[in-house]
Each structure stands twice: as structure tokens, then as C-alpha cells.
Amino acid sequence: MKNTKTLWVIILVLTVVLAGIALKFIVLGSTSPANDGRTEVLLDAGERKLVLAEMRQLLSATQQITEGLADNHMNQIAAAASEVGMQATTTMDVRLKAKLPLAFKQLGFATHQAFDDIAAIASDAKQVAATGGLTEVKTDIQRKLAETMNLCVACHSNYQLPPSGK
């Protein structure tokens, strides 16, 4: 009977410890309040450089998509959007992901998925273009791009990446 109680106490303690670790690394990440009301995501210099490079890739893809819309180049749109879709998230280091708060990760993954959606619309547009119905497809892409940019605005409104050693 005593051994059973001890075992249950050990199980309870381990469960609490594991829940705490999960809370820290899955939900909270490595953060602190910023002076401007946003949340600082605390990364080392190399991690910060990677996240900022990814953001520049997203911005570059947005520019290429906008240009493709103006020039009716659905292949350009599909290629640019695919490059920063969900496949771009597969190489991120697990330790870096652990430092990112859950809401930051959710915004990021939703953004990458939205670019995959844009790529799919542009790819499907190749058939539509042959029948002359490109205007509706372009509107769909513009609408999806606007929704995607709302994710970017939400992230930048809520988070900042201060230089390490701040």
C-alpha cells in the first residue's frame, strides 16, 4: 500500500514537471515584456538572424506575387508563393521553435500555409487563363494576399526581436 502511494506521488510529480516543461517550450517560449507593450522574443544572435531572414523571404515573395499579379504571370506567383509555403518550415531548428511563443508559431505557420494557398490558386489559374477568366483568379489571389499580410501585421504588432545581449 505504501509503495503504491509513493509510486502515485512520483507519477504526479513527474506529470507536473512535464506539464511545466511543455508550458515553457510549447506555449510560452523565451519571452519578456517589451517597453512598447509588445512581447520580446528572446533569441541568440544566430537565431534572430534566421528569423529575420525568413521574414525578408516572405516580403520578397510578396513583392514577386504583386509583380506577377500586375503582369499576369501566374507561374511567377505560384513559384514565389511555393518557395515560402509550409515546406520552408521543415528546416527550422527544434531549439529555435521552443523559444518561440505558441501564438507567434501559430501566426508563422498560418502565414506559410497562406502562401501555399496562393500557390494553389495561381497553379489552378493556368487552366482558367486559357478560357480568359483571369480577373476572378487575380482577385482571389489579391484577397488571400491581403489576409496573409494581416497575419504579418498582427505578428509585428505583438512581437519584437531585440538584439541579443540587450
Protein backbone atom coordinates (compact mmCIF):
# COMPACT_ATOMS: atom_id res chain seq x y z
CA MET A 1 0.00 0.00 0.00
CA LYS A 2 2.81 2.38 0.93
CA ASN A 3 4.69 1.58 -2.29
CA THR A 4 1.57 2.35 -4.32
CA LYS A 5 1.21 5.79 -2.66
CA THR A 6 4.88 6.53 -3.30
CA LEU A 7 4.51 5.48 -6.92
CA TRP A 8 1.49 7.75 -7.38
CA VAL A 9 3.35 10.67 -5.80
CA ILE A 10 6.26 10.11 -8.18
CA ILE A 11 3.88 9.91 -11.14
CA LEU A 12 2.16 13.12 -10.03
CA VAL A 13 5.46 14.98 -9.59
CA LEU A 14 6.72 13.82 -12.99
CA THR A 15 3.42 14.84 -14.60
CA VAL A 16 3.65 18.33 -13.09
CA VAL A 17 7.29 18.67 -14.21
CA LEU A 18 6.45 17.52 -17.75
CA ALA A 19 3.46 19.89 -17.88
CA GLY A 20 5.73 22.74 -16.79
CA ILE A 21 8.28 21.90 -19.45
CA ALA A 22 5.55 21.69 -22.10
CA LEU A 23 4.13 25.03 -20.98
CA LYS A 24 7.54 26.67 -21.21
CA PHE A 25 8.68 25.21 -24.52
CA ILE A 26 5.39 24.87 -26.41
CA VAL A 27 3.28 27.75 -25.15
CA LEU A 28 5.39 30.47 -23.53
CA GLY A 29 8.71 30.27 -25.33
CA SER A 30 11.55 32.58 -24.34
CA THR A 31 9.93 35.98 -23.95
CA SER A 32 9.74 39.11 -21.86
CA PRO A 33 7.50 42.19 -21.91
CA ALA A 34 8.75 44.97 -24.18
CA ASN A 35 8.66 48.65 -23.26
CA ASP A 36 6.19 49.39 -26.08
CA GLY A 37 3.58 46.82 -24.95
CA ARG A 38 4.65 44.10 -27.35
CA THR A 39 6.35 40.86 -26.36
CA GLU A 40 10.08 40.47 -26.87
CA VAL A 41 11.06 37.08 -28.27
CA LEU A 42 14.50 36.41 -26.80
CA LEU A 43 16.79 34.71 -29.29
CA ASP A 44 20.54 34.48 -29.63
CA ALA A 45 22.16 36.41 -32.49
CA GLY A 46 22.16 33.46 -34.90
CA GLU A 47 18.53 32.58 -34.24
CA ARG A 48 17.46 36.20 -34.63
CA LYS A 49 19.32 36.37 -37.93
CA LEU A 50 17.47 33.26 -39.17
CA VAL A 51 14.03 34.57 -38.20
CA LEU A 52 14.70 37.97 -39.77
CA ALA A 53 15.99 36.29 -42.95
CA GLU A 54 12.78 34.27 -43.11
CA MET A 55 10.74 37.46 -42.78
CA ARG A 56 12.71 39.03 -45.64
CA GLN A 57 11.98 35.94 -47.76
CA LEU A 58 8.27 36.36 -47.04
CA LEU A 59 8.47 40.03 -48.02
CA SER A 60 10.36 39.19 -51.21
CA ALA A 61 7.73 36.57 -52.12
CA THR A 62 5.00 39.15 -51.51
CA GLN A 63 6.76 41.55 -53.91
CA GLN A 64 7.10 38.82 -56.56
CA ILE A 65 3.43 37.91 -56.17
CA THR A 66 2.37 41.55 -56.51
CA GLU A 67 4.52 41.90 -59.62
CA GLY A 68 3.14 38.65 -61.02
CA LEU A 69 -0.41 39.94 -60.50
CA ALA A 70 0.38 43.16 -62.37
CA ASP A 71 1.95 41.25 -65.26
CA ASN A 72 -0.49 38.29 -65.32
CA HIS A 73 2.34 35.83 -64.64
CA MET A 74 0.69 33.01 -62.70
CA ASN A 75 3.84 30.86 -62.91
CA GLN A 76 5.82 33.58 -61.12
CA ILE A 77 3.14 33.84 -58.43
CA ALA A 78 2.99 30.08 -57.92
CA ALA A 79 6.78 29.76 -57.74
CA ALA A 80 7.25 32.66 -55.33
CA ALA A 81 4.44 31.51 -53.03
CA SER A 82 5.53 27.86 -53.06
CA GLU A 83 9.06 28.79 -52.05
CA VAL A 84 7.83 30.23 -48.73
CA GLY A 85 4.98 27.79 -48.13
CA MET A 86 4.89 25.13 -45.44
CA GLN A 87 7.91 23.33 -46.89
CA ALA A 88 10.01 26.31 -45.77
CA THR A 89 9.21 25.46 -42.12
CA THR A 90 10.66 21.96 -42.19
CA THR A 91 14.26 23.05 -41.67
CA MET A 92 13.72 25.19 -38.56
CA ASP A 93 15.74 24.02 -35.57
CA VAL A 94 13.68 22.46 -32.77
CA ARG A 95 15.54 24.56 -30.17
CA LEU A 96 14.57 27.73 -32.02
CA LYS A 97 10.92 26.60 -32.24
CA ALA A 98 10.97 26.02 -28.47
CA LYS A 99 11.95 29.66 -27.89
CA LEU A 100 9.02 30.98 -29.93
CA PRO A 101 5.73 31.52 -28.07
CA LEU A 102 2.77 29.48 -29.30
CA ALA A 103 0.86 32.46 -30.75
CA PHE A 104 3.98 33.52 -32.70
CA LYS A 105 4.31 30.00 -34.11
CA GLN A 106 0.61 29.92 -34.99
CA LEU A 107 0.90 33.20 -36.90
CA GLY A 108 4.01 31.93 -38.67
CA PHE A 109 2.53 28.60 -39.69
CA ALA A 110 -0.71 30.28 -40.83
CA THR A 111 1.38 32.64 -42.97
CA HIS A 112 3.30 29.80 -44.60
CA GLN A 113 0.04 27.91 -45.20
CA ALA A 114 -1.50 31.02 -46.78
CA PHE A 115 1.38 31.19 -49.24
CA ASP A 116 0.70 27.56 -50.16
CA ASP A 117 -2.93 28.57 -50.74
CA ILE A 118 -1.80 31.40 -53.03
CA ALA A 119 0.42 28.97 -54.94
CA ALA A 120 -2.53 26.60 -55.39
CA ILE A 121 -4.79 29.39 -56.66
CA ALA A 122 -2.11 30.54 -59.12
CA SER A 123 -1.47 26.97 -60.30
CA ASP A 124 -5.18 26.40 -60.86
CA ALA A 125 -5.30 29.72 -62.73
CA LYS A 126 -3.27 28.30 -65.60
CA GLN A 127 -6.37 26.41 -66.76
CA VAL A 128 -8.64 29.39 -66.14
CA ALA A 129 -6.32 31.70 -68.09
CA ALA A 130 -6.80 29.57 -71.18
CA THR A 131 -10.51 30.38 -71.09
CA GLY A 132 -9.98 34.10 -70.40
CA GLY A 133 -11.31 34.14 -66.80
CA LEU A 134 -8.17 35.51 -65.15
CA THR A 135 -9.77 38.53 -63.43
CA GLU A 136 -11.56 36.44 -60.80
CA VAL A 137 -8.43 34.41 -60.09
CA LYS A 138 -6.36 37.58 -59.67
CA THR A 139 -8.98 38.90 -57.24
CA ASP A 140 -8.83 35.65 -55.26
CA ILE A 141 -5.04 35.90 -55.05
CA GLN A 142 -5.19 39.56 -54.02
CA ARG A 143 -7.75 38.75 -51.34
CA LYS A 144 -5.63 35.87 -50.00
CA LEU A 145 -2.52 38.06 -50.08
CA ALA A 146 -4.35 40.76 -48.11
CA GLU A 147 -5.38 38.15 -45.50
CA THR A 148 -1.78 36.95 -45.38
CA MET A 149 -0.48 40.47 -44.85
CA ASN A 150 -2.92 40.80 -41.91
CA LEU A 151 -1.03 37.90 -40.29
CA CYS A 152 2.25 39.76 -40.81
CA VAL A 153 0.79 42.95 -39.32
CA ALA A 154 -0.56 41.01 -36.32
CA CYS A 155 2.83 39.42 -35.67
CA HIS A 156 4.78 42.68 -35.96
CA SER A 157 2.19 44.43 -33.78
CA ASN A 158 2.55 41.87 -31.00
CA TYR A 159 6.20 40.81 -31.09
CA GLN A 160 9.70 42.17 -31.50
CA LEU A 161 13.08 40.53 -31.82
CA PRO A 162 15.50 42.64 -29.81
CA PRO A 163 19.22 42.22 -30.46
CA SER A 164 20.69 39.60 -28.14
CA GLY A 165 22.57 40.88 -25.11
CA LYS A 166 20.10 43.77 -24.75
